[in-house]
Amino acid sequence: MSSPSPQQATIKGHVTYTPGDGAPLTIPKGPVEVTRAKDSTTLSWTADNDAAGSAALPQDQFNQYVREGKIQLHS
């Protein structure tokens, strides 16, 4: 089975993720790469300081951000 192709998207609103048991962290507004898996979606980005970031969101949370317009998917 091949891995899914990444999709481009833009963070337009307040989007957070929770690493482990920590406090929620904000994903910076701007372009992200979206990779979907069966039960989660991974967002990858490059911050202003050229640091790479990534976060896995539960599928339900990702879909809610898209419905609310906080994440805009590109076709």
C-alpha atoms as a PDB file:
ATOM      1  CA  MET A   1       0.000   0.000   0.000  1.00  0.00           C
ATOM      2  CA  SER A   2       1.432   3.377  -0.975  1.00  0.00           C
ATOM      3  CA  SER A   3       1.345   6.340   1.355  1.00  0.00           C
ATOM      4  CA  PRO A   4      -1.132   9.097   0.523  1.00  0.00           C
ATOM      5  CA  SER A   5       0.087  12.133  -1.390  1.00  0.00           C
ATOM      6  CA  PRO A   6       0.373  15.295   0.692  1.00  0.00           C
ATOM      7  CA  GLN A   7      -2.130  18.072   0.024  1.00  0.00           C
ATOM      8  CA  GLN A   8      -1.467  21.797   0.334  1.00  0.00           C
ATOM      9  CA  ALA A   9      -3.551  23.927   2.690  1.00  0.00           C
ATOM     10  CA  THR A  10      -3.456  27.271   4.488  1.00  0.00           C
ATOM     11  CA  ILE A  11      -4.053  27.922   8.178  1.00  0.00           C
ATOM     12  CA  LYS A  12      -6.480  30.866   8.220  1.00  0.00           C
ATOM     13  CA  GLY A  13      -7.613  30.929  11.855  1.00  0.00           C
ATOM     14  CA  HIS A  14      -6.765  29.813  15.374  1.00  0.00           C
ATOM     15  CA  VAL A  15      -5.712  26.141  15.066  1.00  0.00           C
ATOM     16  CA  THR A  16      -4.128  24.250  17.962  1.00  0.00           C
ATOM     17  CA  TYR A  17      -2.761  20.819  18.706  1.00  0.00           C
ATOM     18  CA  THR A  18      -1.890  19.129  21.984  1.00  0.00           C
ATOM     19  CA  PRO A  19       1.459  17.325  22.088  1.00  0.00           C
ATOM     20  CA  GLY A  20       1.272  14.362  24.466  1.00  0.00           C
ATOM     21  CA  ASP A  21      -0.183  15.476  27.794  1.00  0.00           C
ATOM     22  CA  GLY A  22       0.971  19.082  27.366  1.00  0.00           C
ATOM     23  CA  ALA A  23      -0.857  22.337  26.893  1.00  0.00           C
ATOM     24  CA  PRO A  24      -2.362  23.159  23.473  1.00  0.00           C
ATOM     25  CA  LEU A  25       0.064  24.850  21.059  1.00  0.00           C
ATOM     26  CA  THR A  26      -0.917  27.130  18.185  1.00  0.00           C
ATOM     27  CA  ILE A  27      -0.091  26.186  14.601  1.00  0.00           C
ATOM     28  CA  PRO A  28       1.099  29.377  12.861  1.00  0.00           C
ATOM     29  CA  LYS A  29      -1.070  30.911  10.138  1.00  0.00           C
ATOM     30  CA  GLY A  30       0.193  30.292   6.636  1.00  0.00           C
ATOM     31  CA  PRO A  31       0.911  27.370   4.307  1.00  0.00           C
ATOM     32  CA  VAL A  32       0.939  23.777   5.570  1.00  0.00           C
ATOM     33  CA  GLU A  33       1.265  20.354   4.006  1.00  0.00           C
ATOM     34  CA  VAL A  34      -1.537  17.927   4.903  1.00  0.00           C
ATOM     35  CA  THR A  35      -1.029  14.156   5.010  1.00  0.00           C
ATOM     36  CA  ARG A  36      -4.086  12.072   5.853  1.00  0.00           C
ATOM     37  CA  ALA A  37      -4.004   8.691   7.548  1.00  0.00           C
ATOM     38  CA  LYS A  38      -6.853   6.408   8.552  1.00  0.00           C
ATOM     39  CA  ASP A  39      -7.452   7.986  11.976  1.00  0.00           C
ATOM     40  CA  SER A  40      -5.479  11.246  11.932  1.00  0.00           C
ATOM     41  CA  THR A  41      -4.183  14.059   9.757  1.00  0.00           C
ATOM     42  CA  THR A  42      -0.621  15.373   9.989  1.00  0.00           C
ATOM     43  CA  LEU A  43       0.091  19.030   9.296  1.00  0.00           C
ATOM     44  CA  SER A  44       3.657  20.091   8.457  1.00  0.00           C
ATOM     45  CA  TRP A  45       4.931  23.667   8.188  1.00  0.00           C
ATOM     46  CA  THR A  46       7.993  25.879   8.331  1.00  0.00           C
ATOM     47  CA  ALA A  47       7.936  28.587  10.992  1.00  0.00           C
ATOM     48  CA  ASP A  48       9.212  32.152  10.548  1.00  0.00           C
ATOM     49  CA  ASN A  49      12.602  31.119  11.966  1.00  0.00           C
ATOM     50  CA  ASP A  50      12.876  28.307   9.360  1.00  0.00           C
ATOM     51  CA  ALA A  51      12.182  25.678  12.045  1.00  0.00           C
ATOM     52  CA  ALA A  52      10.142  22.742  10.787  1.00  0.00           C
ATOM     53  CA  GLY A  53       6.990  21.880  12.674  1.00  0.00           C
ATOM     54  CA  SER A  54       4.453  19.099  12.467  1.00  0.00           C
ATOM     55  CA  ALA A  55       1.359  18.048  14.351  1.00  0.00           C
ATOM     56  CA  ALA A  56      -0.992  15.086  14.157  1.00  0.00           C
ATOM     57  CA  LEU A  57      -4.645  16.006  14.634  1.00  0.00           C
ATOM     58  CA  PRO A  58      -7.497  13.568  15.203  1.00  0.00           C
ATOM     59  CA  GLN A  59      -9.582  13.319  12.021  1.00  0.00           C
ATOM     60  CA  ASP A  60     -12.670  14.812  13.735  1.00  0.00           C
ATOM     61  CA  GLN A  61     -10.733  17.856  14.943  1.00  0.00           C
ATOM     62  CA  PHE A  62      -9.156  18.421  11.516  1.00  0.00           C
ATOM     63  CA  ASN A  63     -12.566  18.176   9.795  1.00  0.00           C
ATOM     64  CA  GLN A  64     -14.032  20.667  12.284  1.00  0.00           C
ATOM     65  CA  TYR A  65     -11.267  23.205  11.540  1.00  0.00           C
ATOM     66  CA  VAL A  66     -11.959  22.804   7.804  1.00  0.00           C
ATOM     67  CA  ARG A  67     -15.744  23.236   8.297  1.00  0.00           C
ATOM     68  CA  GLU A  68     -15.117  26.379  10.392  1.00  0.00           C
ATOM     69  CA  GLY A  69     -12.844  27.841   7.678  1.00  0.00           C
ATOM     70  CA  LYS A  70      -9.766  27.810   9.936  1.00  0.00           C
ATOM     71  CA  ILE A  71      -7.985  25.448   7.530  1.00  0.00           C
ATOM     72  CA  GLN A  72      -8.440  26.066   3.811  1.00  0.00           C
ATOM     73  CA  LEU A  73      -7.623  23.096   1.577  1.00  0.00           C
ATOM     74  CA  HIS A  74      -6.197  23.662  -1.905  1.00  0.00           C
ATOM     75  CA  SER A  75      -7.254  21.431  -4.771  1.00  0.00           C
END
